[in-house]
Protein backbone atom coordinates (compact mmCIF):
# COMPACT_ATOMS: atom_id res chain seq x y z
CA MET A 1 -1.10 64.00 44.52
CA LYS A 2 -3.03 62.44 41.68
CA ASN A 3 0.06 62.32 39.43
CA LYS A 4 2.05 60.60 42.18
CA TYR A 5 -0.71 58.03 42.48
CA PHE A 6 -0.65 57.25 38.75
CA ASP A 7 3.18 57.19 38.69
CA GLY A 8 3.17 54.63 41.51
CA LEU A 9 0.50 52.55 39.77
CA ARG A 10 2.51 52.67 36.51
CA CYS A 11 5.66 51.43 38.29
CA PHE A 12 3.68 48.64 39.97
CA VAL A 13 2.30 47.44 36.59
CA ILE A 14 5.73 47.63 34.90
CA ILE A 15 7.41 45.62 37.68
CA ASN A 16 4.73 42.91 37.60
CA VAL A 17 4.88 42.61 33.82
CA ALA A 18 8.68 42.32 34.05
CA PHE A 19 8.38 39.48 36.57
CA LEU A 20 5.85 37.69 34.38
CA LEU A 21 8.11 37.93 31.33
CA LEU A 22 11.11 36.73 33.34
CA GLY A 23 9.14 33.75 34.62
CA PHE A 24 8.05 32.89 31.06
CA CYS A 25 11.66 33.03 29.77
CA LEU A 26 13.01 30.86 32.58
CA THR A 27 10.39 28.15 32.39
CA LYS A 28 11.71 24.78 31.23
CA GLU A 29 8.33 23.35 30.37
CA LYS A 30 7.76 22.38 26.76
CA PRO A 31 5.12 24.35 24.84
CA VAL A 32 1.67 22.82 24.88
CA TYR A 33 0.14 22.26 21.46
CA VAL A 34 -3.65 22.51 21.35
CA LYS A 35 -5.68 20.82 18.67
CA ILE A 36 -8.14 23.47 17.53
CA ASP A 37 -9.90 21.50 14.82
CA LYS A 38 -10.93 17.85 14.90
CA VAL A 39 -9.26 17.24 11.55
CA ILE A 40 -5.57 18.16 11.21
CA LYS A 41 -3.63 17.51 8.04
CA ILE A 42 -0.33 15.68 8.56
CA GLU A 43 1.55 18.22 6.44
CA GLU A 44 0.34 20.95 8.81
CA CYS A 45 1.99 19.22 11.77
CA VAL A 46 5.63 19.72 10.81
CA GLU A 47 6.51 20.96 14.31
CA LEU A 48 5.01 17.84 15.85
CA GLY A 49 6.28 15.41 13.21
CA VAL A 50 8.63 12.49 13.76
CA ASP A 51 12.21 12.71 12.52
CA HIS A 52 12.00 9.46 10.57
CA LYS A 53 15.64 9.45 9.49
CA TYR A 54 16.78 9.75 13.10
CA GLN A 55 14.29 7.17 14.39
CA ALA A 56 15.12 4.65 11.65
CA LYS A 57 18.86 4.92 12.27
CA LYS A 58 18.36 4.66 16.02
CA LYS A 59 16.28 1.49 15.68
CA SER A 60 18.75 -0.03 13.22
CA ILE A 61 21.76 0.62 15.48
CA GLU A 62 19.87 -0.77 18.49
CA LEU A 63 19.11 -3.87 16.43
CA ILE A 64 22.79 -4.30 15.50
CA LYS A 65 23.93 -3.83 19.09
CA PHE A 66 21.43 -6.34 20.41
CA HIS A 67 22.23 -9.11 17.94
CA GLU A 68 25.99 -8.57 17.74
CA GLY A 69 26.38 -8.20 21.48
CA PHE A 70 29.20 -6.23 23.07
CA LYS A 71 32.58 -7.79 23.83
CA SER A 72 35.22 -5.62 25.48
CA LYS A 73 37.94 -8.19 24.75
CA SER A 74 38.92 -9.72 21.41
CA TYR A 75 37.51 -13.14 20.53
CA ILE A 76 37.27 -15.53 17.60
CA CYS A 77 33.85 -15.34 15.92
CA PRO A 78 32.02 -18.42 14.44
CA ALA A 79 33.57 -17.60 11.05
CA GLY A 80 37.02 -17.99 12.61
CA LYS A 81 37.86 -14.26 12.47
CA LYS A 82 39.30 -12.17 15.29
CA SER A 83 36.56 -9.78 16.47
CA ILE A 84 35.90 -7.27 19.22
CA GLY A 85 33.26 -4.74 20.33
CA TYR A 86 30.08 -5.09 18.25
CA GLY A 87 31.48 -7.77 15.96
CA PHE A 88 34.26 -5.51 14.65
CA ARG A 89 37.03 -7.00 12.58
CA TYR A 90 40.37 -5.48 11.59
CA ILE A 91 40.80 -3.68 14.92
CA ASN A 92 44.37 -3.81 16.19
CA LYS A 93 43.40 -3.76 19.83
CA ASN A 94 42.69 -6.51 22.34
CA THR A 95 40.36 -4.42 24.51
CA LEU A 96 37.77 -1.74 23.82
CA THR A 97 35.52 0.29 26.10
CA LYS A 98 31.81 0.54 25.34
CA LYS A 99 32.24 4.25 24.56
CA GLU A 100 35.00 3.47 22.05
CA SER A 101 32.86 0.74 20.50
CA ASP A 102 29.84 3.04 20.18
CA SER A 103 32.02 5.58 18.37
CA ILE A 104 33.47 2.96 16.00
CA LEU A 105 30.00 1.58 15.31
CA ASN A 106 28.66 5.01 14.34
CA ILE A 107 31.61 5.63 12.01
CA ARG A 108 31.28 2.22 10.34
CA TYR A 109 27.51 2.55 10.15
CA ASP A 110 27.73 5.86 8.29
CA LYS A 111 30.38 4.46 5.94
CA LEU A 112 28.20 1.44 5.23
CA SER A 113 25.27 3.76 4.53
CA GLY A 114 27.39 5.55 1.92
CA ASP A 115 28.49 2.24 0.41
CA LEU A 116 24.87 1.10 0.01
CA ASP A 117 24.00 4.36 -1.74
CA LYS A 118 26.45 3.39 -4.50
CA TYR A 119 24.53 0.20 -5.29
CA ILE A 120 20.89 1.00 -4.49
CA LYS A 121 19.35 2.74 -7.51
CA ASN A 122 15.79 2.92 -6.20
CA ASP A 123 14.92 6.41 -4.90
CA SER A 124 11.51 5.33 -3.62
CA LEU A 125 12.83 3.64 -0.44
CA ASN A 126 11.85 5.32 2.81
CA ASP A 127 14.19 5.83 5.78
CA TYR A 128 13.10 2.65 7.56
CA GLN A 129 13.73 0.53 4.49
CA LYS A 130 17.19 2.02 3.96
CA HIS A 131 18.25 1.49 7.55
CA ALA A 132 16.86 -2.06 7.63
CA LEU A 133 19.21 -2.80 4.72
CA ILE A 134 22.15 -1.26 6.58
CA SER A 135 21.53 -3.60 9.52
CA LEU A 136 21.32 -6.58 7.18
CA THR A 137 24.49 -5.59 5.30
CA TYR A 138 26.37 -5.00 8.55
CA ASN A 139 25.78 -8.70 9.20
CA ILE A 140 26.22 -10.28 5.75
CA GLY A 141 28.85 -7.88 4.38
CA ILE A 142 28.79 -5.40 1.51
CA ASN A 143 30.24 -7.91 -1.00
CA ASN A 144 27.39 -10.36 -0.38
CA PHE A 145 24.81 -7.59 -0.57
CA LYS A 146 25.99 -6.11 -3.88
CA LYS A 147 25.85 -9.58 -5.52
CA SER A 148 22.50 -10.52 -3.98
CA THR A 149 19.15 -11.17 -5.63
CA LEU A 150 17.78 -8.85 -2.93
CA LEU A 151 19.59 -5.86 -4.44
CA LYS A 152 18.34 -6.82 -7.92
CA ARG A 153 14.75 -6.94 -6.65
CA ILE A 154 15.11 -3.54 -5.02
CA ASN A 155 16.62 -1.90 -8.09
CA LYS A 156 13.84 -3.37 -10.26
CA ASN A 157 11.34 -1.95 -7.75
CA GLU A 158 10.02 -5.45 -7.02
CA LEU A 159 9.57 -4.50 -3.38
CA HIS A 160 6.80 -7.05 -2.82
CA LEU A 161 9.51 -9.75 -3.07
CA VAL A 162 11.94 -8.16 -0.62
CA ASP A 163 10.59 -9.97 2.48
CA LYS A 164 11.34 -13.32 0.89
CA GLU A 165 14.84 -12.22 -0.15
CA ILE A 166 15.74 -10.90 3.32
CA LEU A 167 14.66 -14.18 4.92
CA LYS A 168 17.07 -16.09 2.68
CA TRP A 169 19.87 -14.76 4.86
CA LYS A 170 18.82 -16.81 7.91
CA TYR A 171 21.13 -19.66 6.88
CA ALA A 172 24.73 -20.35 7.88
CA LYS A 173 27.10 -23.19 7.19
CA VAL A 174 27.48 -25.57 10.11
CA LYS A 175 29.98 -28.38 9.52
CA GLY A 176 29.77 -27.73 5.80
CA LYS A 177 25.96 -27.81 5.63
CA LYS A 178 23.52 -24.92 5.31
CA LYS A 179 21.35 -24.65 8.39
CA VAL A 180 18.79 -22.15 9.72
CA LEU A 181 20.20 -20.41 12.78
CA LYS A 182 17.63 -19.19 15.31
CA GLY A 183 19.64 -16.05 16.02
CA LEU A 184 19.83 -15.15 12.33
CA LYS A 185 16.13 -15.86 11.83
CA LYS A 186 15.20 -13.56 14.73
CA ARG A 187 17.49 -10.87 13.37
CA ARG A 188 15.98 -11.10 9.88
CA MET A 189 12.46 -10.85 11.36
CA LYS A 190 13.45 -7.68 13.25
CA GLU A 191 14.94 -6.22 10.07
CA LEU A 192 11.72 -7.06 8.24
CA ASP A 193 9.74 -5.22 10.94
CA LEU A 194 11.93 -2.19 10.33
CA TRP A 195 11.66 -2.56 6.54
CA ASN A 196 7.86 -2.70 6.73
CA THR A 197 7.52 0.34 8.99
CA ASN A 198 5.29 2.90 7.28
CA PRO A 199 6.21 6.53 8.09
CA GLU A 200 2.67 7.69 7.26
CA ASP A 201 1.21 5.33 9.85
CA ILE A 202 3.50 6.79 12.50
CA ASP A 203 2.56 10.34 11.51
CA SER A 204 -1.15 9.43 11.58
CA GLU A 205 -0.78 7.94 15.07
CA LEU A 206 0.91 11.13 16.19
CA VAL A 207 -1.91 13.30 14.86
CA SER A 208 -4.64 11.07 16.35
CA SER A 209 -2.96 11.26 19.76
CA LEU A 210 -3.23 15.06 19.89
């Protein structure tokens, strides 16, 4: 009688443990991280860290999309060139869906990133700085960028002069005269915000919020 009692108790415990494990496996809730000590080193928070490369690219692409605007039908841009989508040129189509344009933008963005790597010889740039330059170059063109004083400053590691150089690209020719365009100025300021983003500040904010 006693053995039957213990056998029944054992089965009851096993079944309950099984249900608990099943419930744990099926839960969709994210794990909760508990700060044990008041001081946590940033390097110890790899699991909680920000993917800076991903975030920088995301912000840069959002910036391009906002300032270029999306056009599903072909049009003539201010420079007199046939364009479509997010300011695309050399597309042999008169209409594009937003999904198609997003795909083309990502392909061109990655190609432009590779092109910049050929000319930028400064390995100290962080992800936000690199992607700010991609946004700028998407607008001014790779030929203008590779001949620019901006690139020379970067390669000489004169990064304290970069803000000034980026702001030089707020001008456009209107009726043969150079003029500051409000849209270009706003875009340059946004690119400067991205350029001046400090990854360590973001990581520190993350740690302090735990």
